[in-house]
């Protein structure tokens, strides 16, 4: 039998949790879709407000770091529940 690090198992289990969320109703699916298209929406809103393209692109790129931070927080939260 191959030895497996318990931290790796927790991370894999936490990453697989997304498909189980989809059975919880329509909102988890919509939430993930909103997060996927957030940078595009930020760019379009900034562009429609008359901001230069470089500023719009900068803020849309920064919105990606918000998504990464939220997902990282959720992974830590799930890993804490497993332990």
C-alpha atoms as a PDB file:
ATOM      1  CA  UNK A   1       0.000   0.000   0.000  1.00  0.00           C
ATOM      2  CA  UNK A   2       1.291   3.463  -0.898  1.00  0.00           C
ATOM      3  CA  UNK A   3       1.644   5.832   2.079  1.00  0.00           C
ATOM      4  CA  UNK A   4      -0.443   8.999   1.663  1.00  0.00           C
ATOM      5  CA  UNK A   5       0.061  12.250   3.528  1.00  0.00           C
ATOM      6  CA  UNK A   6      -3.108  13.119   5.519  1.00  0.00           C
ATOM      7  CA  UNK A   7      -2.834  16.769   4.421  1.00  0.00           C
ATOM      8  CA  UNK A   8      -3.011  15.701   0.784  1.00  0.00           C
ATOM      9  CA  UNK A   9      -6.115  13.616   1.398  1.00  0.00           C
ATOM     10  CA  UNK A  10      -7.793  16.562   3.128  1.00  0.00           C
ATOM     11  CA  UNK A  11      -6.930  18.888   0.236  1.00  0.00           C
ATOM     12  CA  UNK A  12      -8.229  16.455  -2.371  1.00  0.00           C
ATOM     13  CA  UNK A  13     -11.422  15.901  -0.364  1.00  0.00           C
ATOM     14  CA  UNK A  14     -11.893  19.680  -0.034  1.00  0.00           C
ATOM     15  CA  UNK A  15     -11.411  20.188  -3.777  1.00  0.00           C
ATOM     16  CA  UNK A  16     -13.973  17.491  -4.594  1.00  0.00           C
ATOM     17  CA  UNK A  17     -16.618  19.129  -2.394  1.00  0.00           C
ATOM     18  CA  UNK A  18     -17.765  21.393  -5.248  1.00  0.00           C
ATOM     19  CA  UNK A  19     -19.738  18.729  -7.066  1.00  0.00           C
ATOM     20  CA  UNK A  20     -21.593  17.806  -3.895  1.00  0.00           C
ATOM     21  CA  UNK A  21     -22.608  21.455  -3.461  1.00  0.00           C
ATOM     22  CA  UNK A  22     -24.493  21.364  -6.749  1.00  0.00           C
ATOM     23  CA  UNK A  23     -27.040  18.991  -5.244  1.00  0.00           C
ATOM     24  CA  UNK A  24     -27.817  21.559  -2.527  1.00  0.00           C
ATOM     25  CA  UNK A  25     -29.938  23.657  -4.838  1.00  0.00           C
ATOM     26  CA  UNK A  26     -29.568  26.248  -7.544  1.00  0.00           C
ATOM     27  CA  UNK A  27     -27.703  28.944  -5.564  1.00  0.00           C
ATOM     28  CA  UNK A  28     -24.299  27.153  -5.271  1.00  0.00           C
ATOM     29  CA  UNK A  29     -24.233  26.716  -9.048  1.00  0.00           C
ATOM     30  CA  UNK A  30     -25.123  30.376  -9.648  1.00  0.00           C
ATOM     31  CA  UNK A  31     -22.530  31.492  -7.088  1.00  0.00           C
ATOM     32  CA  UNK A  32     -19.751  29.618  -8.886  1.00  0.00           C
ATOM     33  CA  UNK A  33     -20.861  31.048 -12.232  1.00  0.00           C
ATOM     34  CA  UNK A  34     -20.852  34.562 -10.815  1.00  0.00           C
ATOM     35  CA  UNK A  35     -17.330  34.086  -9.503  1.00  0.00           C
ATOM     36  CA  UNK A  36     -16.176  32.763 -12.855  1.00  0.00           C
ATOM     37  CA  UNK A  37     -17.362  35.793 -14.791  1.00  0.00           C
ATOM     38  CA  UNK A  38     -16.583  38.441 -12.147  1.00  0.00           C
ATOM     39  CA  UNK A  39     -13.414  39.777 -13.882  1.00  0.00           C
ATOM     40  CA  UNK A  40     -15.281  40.198 -17.171  1.00  0.00           C
ATOM     41  CA  UNK A  41     -18.127  42.020 -15.447  1.00  0.00           C
ATOM     42  CA  UNK A  42     -15.733  44.315 -13.597  1.00  0.00           C
ATOM     43  CA  UNK A  43     -14.004  45.179 -16.851  1.00  0.00           C
ATOM     44  CA  UNK A  44     -17.289  45.843 -18.637  1.00  0.00           C
ATOM     45  CA  UNK A  45     -18.587  48.051 -15.823  1.00  0.00           C
ATOM     46  CA  UNK A  46     -15.385  50.077 -15.723  1.00  0.00           C
ATOM     47  CA  UNK A  47     -15.350  50.375 -19.524  1.00  0.00           C
ATOM     48  CA  UNK A  48     -18.998  51.489 -19.562  1.00  0.00           C
ATOM     49  CA  UNK A  49     -18.157  54.112 -16.920  1.00  0.00           C
ATOM     50  CA  UNK A  50     -15.657  55.631 -19.341  1.00  0.00           C
ATOM     51  CA  UNK A  51     -12.456  54.510 -17.626  1.00  0.00           C
ATOM     52  CA  UNK A  52      -9.355  53.909 -19.764  1.00  0.00           C
ATOM     53  CA  UNK A  53      -8.852  50.316 -20.874  1.00  0.00           C
ATOM     54  CA  UNK A  54      -5.673  49.900 -18.816  1.00  0.00           C
ATOM     55  CA  UNK A  55      -7.466  50.903 -15.605  1.00  0.00           C
ATOM     56  CA  UNK A  56     -10.391  48.615 -16.433  1.00  0.00           C
ATOM     57  CA  UNK A  57      -8.022  45.712 -17.074  1.00  0.00           C
ATOM     58  CA  UNK A  58      -6.113  46.422 -13.862  1.00  0.00           C
ATOM     59  CA  UNK A  59      -9.229  46.336 -11.707  1.00  0.00           C
ATOM     60  CA  UNK A  60     -10.574  43.225 -13.419  1.00  0.00           C
ATOM     61  CA  UNK A  61      -7.250  41.492 -12.768  1.00  0.00           C
ATOM     62  CA  UNK A  62      -7.409  42.534  -9.125  1.00  0.00           C
ATOM     63  CA  UNK A  63     -10.857  40.972  -8.862  1.00  0.00           C
ATOM     64  CA  UNK A  64      -9.201  37.626  -9.660  1.00  0.00           C
ATOM     65  CA  UNK A  65      -7.108  37.898  -6.502  1.00  0.00           C
ATOM     66  CA  UNK A  66     -10.336  38.338  -4.519  1.00  0.00           C
ATOM     67  CA  UNK A  67     -11.663  35.090  -5.981  1.00  0.00           C
ATOM     68  CA  UNK A  68      -8.425  33.263  -5.120  1.00  0.00           C
ATOM     69  CA  UNK A  69      -8.527  34.604  -1.559  1.00  0.00           C
ATOM     70  CA  UNK A  70     -12.147  33.497  -1.074  1.00  0.00           C
ATOM     71  CA  UNK A  71     -11.470  29.991  -2.409  1.00  0.00           C
ATOM     72  CA  UNK A  72      -8.310  29.676  -0.290  1.00  0.00           C
ATOM     73  CA  UNK A  73     -10.318  30.668   2.798  1.00  0.00           C
ATOM     74  CA  UNK A  74     -12.961  28.056   1.969  1.00  0.00           C
ATOM     75  CA  UNK A  75     -10.307  25.347   1.534  1.00  0.00           C
ATOM     76  CA  UNK A  76      -8.836  26.177   4.942  1.00  0.00           C
ATOM     77  CA  UNK A  77     -12.302  26.132   6.447  1.00  0.00           C
ATOM     78  CA  UNK A  78     -13.069  22.699   4.967  1.00  0.00           C
ATOM     79  CA  UNK A  79      -9.692  21.332   6.012  1.00  0.00           C
ATOM     80  CA  UNK A  80     -10.371  22.495   9.566  1.00  0.00           C
ATOM     81  CA  UNK A  81     -13.673  20.637   9.584  1.00  0.00           C
ATOM     82  CA  UNK A  82     -12.000  17.389   8.453  1.00  0.00           C
ATOM     83  CA  UNK A  83      -9.442  17.478  11.261  1.00  0.00           C
END
